[in-house]
Amino acid sequence: MTTTLITGANKGIGYETARQLRAIGHEVILGARDIGRGQTAARELGVRFVQIDVTDDASVVAAAADISEHEGVLDVLVNNAGILGPRHESLGSISASDAEGVFQTNVLGAVRMIHAFLPILERSSAPVIVNVSSSMGSFTRTTDPTAPENSYPLPFYQASKAALNMLTLKYAEAYPAMRINVADPGGTDTDIMDHLGTQTVSEGSEAIVRLATASLTGPTSAFVGRDGHVPW
């Protein structure tokens, strides 16, 4: 059985990804920062809950120790936890402190998770890492004045996702035996999107599930959305 850990999975796309992967036979571990919400979501799905705050080193290390003790191996890590951060119409109004929380979660959170879980992933015969990013981090899309990604006043969210994309490429280069990719859920009807997205959470989870089920001959260093590859 494939053992899969998903962060930020107590609601939205993370929750739906957990539901879909469990339905196809994965042994899913639901990671969430909030213990009460995480436990409730895990009970609903019939999966195991592990508390993880991706912004806290001790929390991530404790989660890795817990999974190492109970499951012994991790086949799939889905770094889904993320925040939108502040919206700003003018770059002149933002400061470094505005960026800190966004990068702590969206970028450093993924680094913490990968660092802590690499030894457990390396025990798998087919290890997979899926970093949940966004086309908002695509340089091609954000520099195209006709693309919707060009018009959002979310500089730190977009910069954090661009950084996560580059980190994914470097991790894939460093660990060729693993399948390490970026998933773009697209504009989905979730809390993080203020329910402005047009896709359902089922549709928004498609690319993540596709990459989470990649075989040893599947893609690596890829940026994949529901409709196929997303330009860097």
Protein backbone atom coordinates (compact mmCIF):
# COMPACT_ATOMS: atom_id res chain seq x y z
CA MET A 1 0.00 0.00 0.00
CA THR A 2 1.18 3.53 -0.81
CA THR A 3 1.59 5.74 2.25
CA THR A 4 0.87 9.40 1.56
CA LEU A 5 1.18 12.49 3.76
CA ILE A 6 -0.68 15.68 2.82
CA THR A 7 -0.12 18.95 4.67
CA GLY A 8 -2.84 21.55 5.13
CA ALA A 9 -5.39 18.81 4.50
CA ASN A 10 -8.19 19.64 6.94
CA LYS A 11 -10.15 21.50 4.25
CA GLY A 12 -10.27 22.56 0.61
CA ILE A 13 -7.97 21.02 -1.98
CA GLY A 14 -5.88 19.21 0.63
CA TYR A 15 -8.96 17.52 2.07
CA GLU A 16 -10.26 16.56 -1.36
CA THR A 17 -6.85 15.22 -2.39
CA ALA A 18 -6.84 13.06 0.74
CA ARG A 19 -10.33 11.79 -0.08
CA GLN A 20 -9.44 10.92 -3.66
CA LEU A 21 -6.16 9.19 -2.79
CA ARG A 22 -7.78 7.17 -0.02
CA ALA A 23 -10.49 6.12 -2.47
CA ILE A 24 -7.87 4.60 -4.80
CA GLY A 25 -6.13 2.73 -2.02
CA HIS A 26 -3.52 5.06 -0.52
CA GLU A 27 -2.89 4.93 3.20
CA VAL A 28 -3.37 8.65 3.79
CA ILE A 29 -1.96 10.63 6.70
CA LEU A 30 -3.75 13.94 7.09
CA GLY A 31 -1.48 16.73 8.27
CA ALA A 32 -2.88 19.97 9.66
CA ARG A 33 -1.80 22.72 12.03
CA ASP A 34 -5.08 22.93 13.98
CA ILE A 35 -5.51 19.76 16.06
CA GLY A 36 -9.29 19.97 16.43
CA ARG A 37 -9.98 20.63 12.76
CA GLY A 38 -7.41 18.09 11.68
CA GLN A 39 -8.83 15.35 13.89
CA THR A 40 -12.37 16.10 12.69
CA ALA A 41 -11.32 15.96 9.03
CA ALA A 42 -9.37 12.74 9.59
CA ARG A 43 -12.39 11.07 11.25
CA GLU A 44 -14.62 12.11 8.36
CA LEU A 45 -12.23 10.59 5.84
CA GLY A 46 -11.26 7.54 7.88
CA VAL A 47 -7.54 8.38 7.83
CA ARG A 48 -4.84 9.02 10.43
CA PHE A 49 -4.15 12.55 11.65
CA VAL A 50 -0.72 13.99 12.45
CA GLN A 51 -0.36 17.55 13.73
CA ILE A 52 2.04 19.59 11.55
CA ASP A 53 2.75 23.30 11.60
CA VAL A 54 5.02 23.74 8.59
CA THR A 55 6.31 27.06 9.95
CA ASP A 56 7.70 25.37 13.09
CA ASP A 57 10.85 23.22 12.96
CA ALA A 58 9.99 21.26 16.12
CA SER A 59 6.48 20.46 14.86
CA VAL A 60 7.79 19.15 11.53
CA VAL A 61 10.53 17.08 13.18
CA ALA A 62 8.00 15.60 15.62
CA ALA A 63 5.67 14.67 12.74
CA ALA A 64 8.51 12.98 10.88
CA ALA A 65 9.42 10.99 14.02
CA ASP A 66 5.78 9.98 14.48
CA ILE A 67 5.43 8.71 10.92
CA SER A 68 8.80 6.99 11.03
CA GLU A 69 7.68 5.15 14.16
CA HIS A 70 4.16 4.23 13.02
CA GLU A 71 4.40 3.77 9.24
CA GLY A 72 8.15 3.31 8.88
CA VAL A 73 8.17 4.60 5.32
CA LEU A 74 6.62 7.44 3.33
CA ASP A 75 5.94 6.98 -0.38
CA VAL A 76 4.30 10.30 -1.25
CA LEU A 77 4.70 13.75 0.32
CA VAL A 78 2.22 16.40 -0.81
CA ASN A 79 3.29 19.87 0.33
CA ASN A 80 -0.12 21.50 0.12
CA ALA A 81 -0.11 23.90 3.09
CA GLY A 82 -0.08 27.50 1.88
CA ILE A 83 -1.42 30.98 2.53
CA LEU A 84 -2.37 33.84 0.24
CA GLY A 85 -0.86 36.68 2.24
CA PRO A 86 -1.70 40.38 1.98
CA ARG A 87 -3.15 41.94 -1.13
CA HIS A 88 -1.56 45.21 -2.24
CA GLU A 89 -2.47 47.45 -5.12
CA SER A 90 0.78 49.38 -4.76
CA LEU A 91 4.20 47.82 -4.25
CA GLY A 92 5.23 51.03 -2.52
CA SER A 93 2.91 50.21 0.38
CA ILE A 94 4.43 46.84 1.27
CA SER A 95 7.33 45.94 3.53
CA ALA A 96 9.54 42.96 4.26
CA SER A 97 7.44 42.09 7.31
CA ASP A 98 4.44 41.67 4.99
CA ALA A 99 6.33 38.95 3.14
CA GLU A 100 7.56 36.99 6.15
CA GLY A 101 4.49 34.91 6.88
CA VAL A 102 3.92 34.07 3.23
CA PHE A 103 7.46 32.82 2.66
CA GLN A 104 7.56 31.02 6.02
CA THR A 105 4.59 28.90 4.96
CA ASN A 106 4.77 28.65 1.18
CA VAL A 107 8.54 28.31 0.71
CA LEU A 108 10.33 27.53 3.98
CA GLY A 109 7.49 25.24 4.99
CA ALA A 110 8.16 23.02 1.99
CA VAL A 111 11.90 23.11 2.70
CA ARG A 112 11.31 22.05 6.32
CA MET A 113 9.05 19.21 5.22
CA ILE A 114 11.39 17.87 2.55
CA HIS A 115 14.43 18.11 4.84
CA ALA A 116 12.70 16.28 7.68
CA PHE A 117 11.02 13.61 5.55
CA LEU A 118 13.79 12.78 3.08
CA PRO A 119 15.15 9.89 5.19
CA ILE A 120 11.67 8.31 5.34
CA LEU A 121 10.98 8.93 1.65
CA GLU A 122 14.29 7.29 0.75
CA ARG A 123 13.01 4.06 2.31
CA SER A 124 10.32 3.92 -0.39
CA SER A 125 10.80 1.99 -3.63
CA ALA A 126 9.04 4.78 -5.56
CA PRO A 127 9.22 8.07 -3.63
CA VAL A 128 7.20 11.05 -4.83
CA ILE A 129 7.08 14.70 -3.75
CA VAL A 130 4.33 16.99 -5.01
CA ASN A 131 4.72 20.69 -4.26
CA VAL A 132 1.40 22.47 -4.65
CA SER A 133 2.14 25.76 -6.37
CA SER A 134 0.14 27.94 -8.72
CA SER A 135 0.23 29.39 -12.22
CA MET A 136 0.43 32.68 -10.29
CA GLY A 137 4.12 31.76 -9.90
CA SER A 138 4.61 31.30 -13.63
CA PHE A 139 6.87 33.98 -15.12
CA THR A 140 5.36 33.28 -18.54
CA ARG A 141 1.81 33.84 -17.36
CA THR A 142 2.46 36.79 -15.06
CA THR A 143 4.33 38.70 -17.76
CA ASP A 144 1.56 38.14 -20.31
CA PRO A 145 -0.79 41.17 -20.12
CA THR A 146 -3.63 39.06 -21.53
CA ALA A 147 -3.35 36.39 -18.81
CA PRO A 148 -5.38 36.62 -15.57
CA GLU A 149 -2.21 35.93 -13.55
CA ASN A 150 -0.89 39.31 -14.71
CA SER A 151 -3.55 41.37 -12.96
CA TYR A 152 -3.61 40.07 -9.37
CA PRO A 153 -2.17 42.36 -6.62
CA LEU A 154 -0.51 39.44 -4.80
CA PRO A 155 3.23 40.07 -5.15
CA PHE A 156 4.36 37.93 -2.21
CA TYR A 157 2.07 35.00 -2.96
CA GLN A 158 3.26 35.04 -6.58
CA ALA A 159 6.91 35.43 -5.58
CA SER A 160 6.62 32.59 -3.05
CA LYS A 161 5.16 30.25 -5.64
CA ALA A 162 7.86 31.19 -8.15
CA ALA A 163 10.46 30.38 -5.47
CA LEU A 164 8.75 27.06 -4.73
CA ASN A 165 8.84 26.22 -8.43
CA MET A 166 12.60 26.81 -8.61
CA LEU A 167 13.20 24.81 -5.43
CA THR A 168 11.25 21.93 -6.94
CA LEU A 169 13.55 21.91 -9.96
CA LYS A 170 16.64 21.91 -7.76
CA TYR A 171 15.34 19.10 -5.54
CA ALA A 172 14.45 17.05 -8.62
CA GLU A 173 17.96 17.59 -9.93
CA ALA A 174 19.50 16.55 -6.61
CA TYR A 175 17.31 13.44 -6.15
CA PRO A 176 16.85 11.83 -9.58
CA ALA A 177 15.52 8.61 -8.04
CA MET A 178 12.45 10.51 -6.82
CA ARG A 179 9.56 11.96 -8.80
CA ILE A 180 9.50 15.61 -7.67
CA ASN A 181 7.02 17.91 -9.40
CA VAL A 182 4.89 21.03 -9.13
CA ALA A 183 1.08 20.88 -9.24
CA ASP A 184 -1.08 23.85 -10.22
CA PRO A 185 -4.64 23.40 -8.93
CA GLY A 186 -5.94 26.34 -10.96
CA GLY A 187 -8.64 28.79 -9.89
CA THR A 188 -10.65 26.74 -7.41
CA ASP A 189 -13.61 27.54 -5.16
CA THR A 190 -11.76 27.48 -1.82
CA ASP A 191 -11.25 29.71 1.21
CA ILE A 192 -7.78 30.77 0.05
CA MET A 193 -9.35 32.05 -3.19
CA ASP A 194 -12.21 33.74 -1.29
CA HIS A 195 -14.42 31.33 -3.23
CA LEU A 196 -13.82 33.29 -6.43
CA GLY A 197 -12.45 30.30 -8.35
CA THR A 198 -14.66 28.59 -10.91
CA GLN A 199 -13.39 25.03 -10.44
CA THR A 200 -14.70 22.58 -7.86
CA VAL A 201 -12.25 21.20 -5.30
CA SER A 202 -12.47 17.89 -7.15
CA GLU A 203 -11.29 19.57 -10.33
CA GLY A 204 -8.63 21.54 -8.45
CA SER A 205 -7.20 18.32 -6.99
CA GLU A 206 -6.80 16.56 -10.35
CA ALA A 207 -3.20 17.60 -11.05
CA ILE A 208 -2.09 16.80 -7.50
CA VAL A 209 -3.63 13.32 -7.61
CA ARG A 210 -2.10 12.68 -11.04
CA LEU A 211 1.38 13.56 -9.80
CA ALA A 212 0.91 11.77 -6.47
CA THR A 213 0.25 8.56 -8.36
CA ALA A 214 3.23 8.92 -10.71
CA SER A 215 5.28 5.78 -11.25
CA LEU A 216 9.06 5.51 -11.39
CA THR A 217 8.81 6.20 -15.11
CA GLY A 218 6.54 9.21 -14.55
CA PRO A 219 7.53 12.85 -14.91
CA THR A 220 9.94 14.73 -12.70
CA SER A 221 10.82 18.45 -12.81
CA ALA A 222 7.36 19.07 -14.31
CA PHE A 223 4.85 21.88 -13.71
CA VAL A 224 1.44 20.31 -14.25
CA GLY A 225 -2.10 21.65 -14.15
CA ARG A 226 -5.44 20.06 -14.76
CA ASP A 227 -5.15 20.60 -18.51
CA GLY A 228 -1.50 19.59 -18.85
CA HIS A 229 1.85 21.31 -18.51
CA VAL A 230 2.02 24.88 -17.21
CA PRO A 231 4.74 27.20 -18.58
CA TRP A 232 7.47 28.18 -16.17
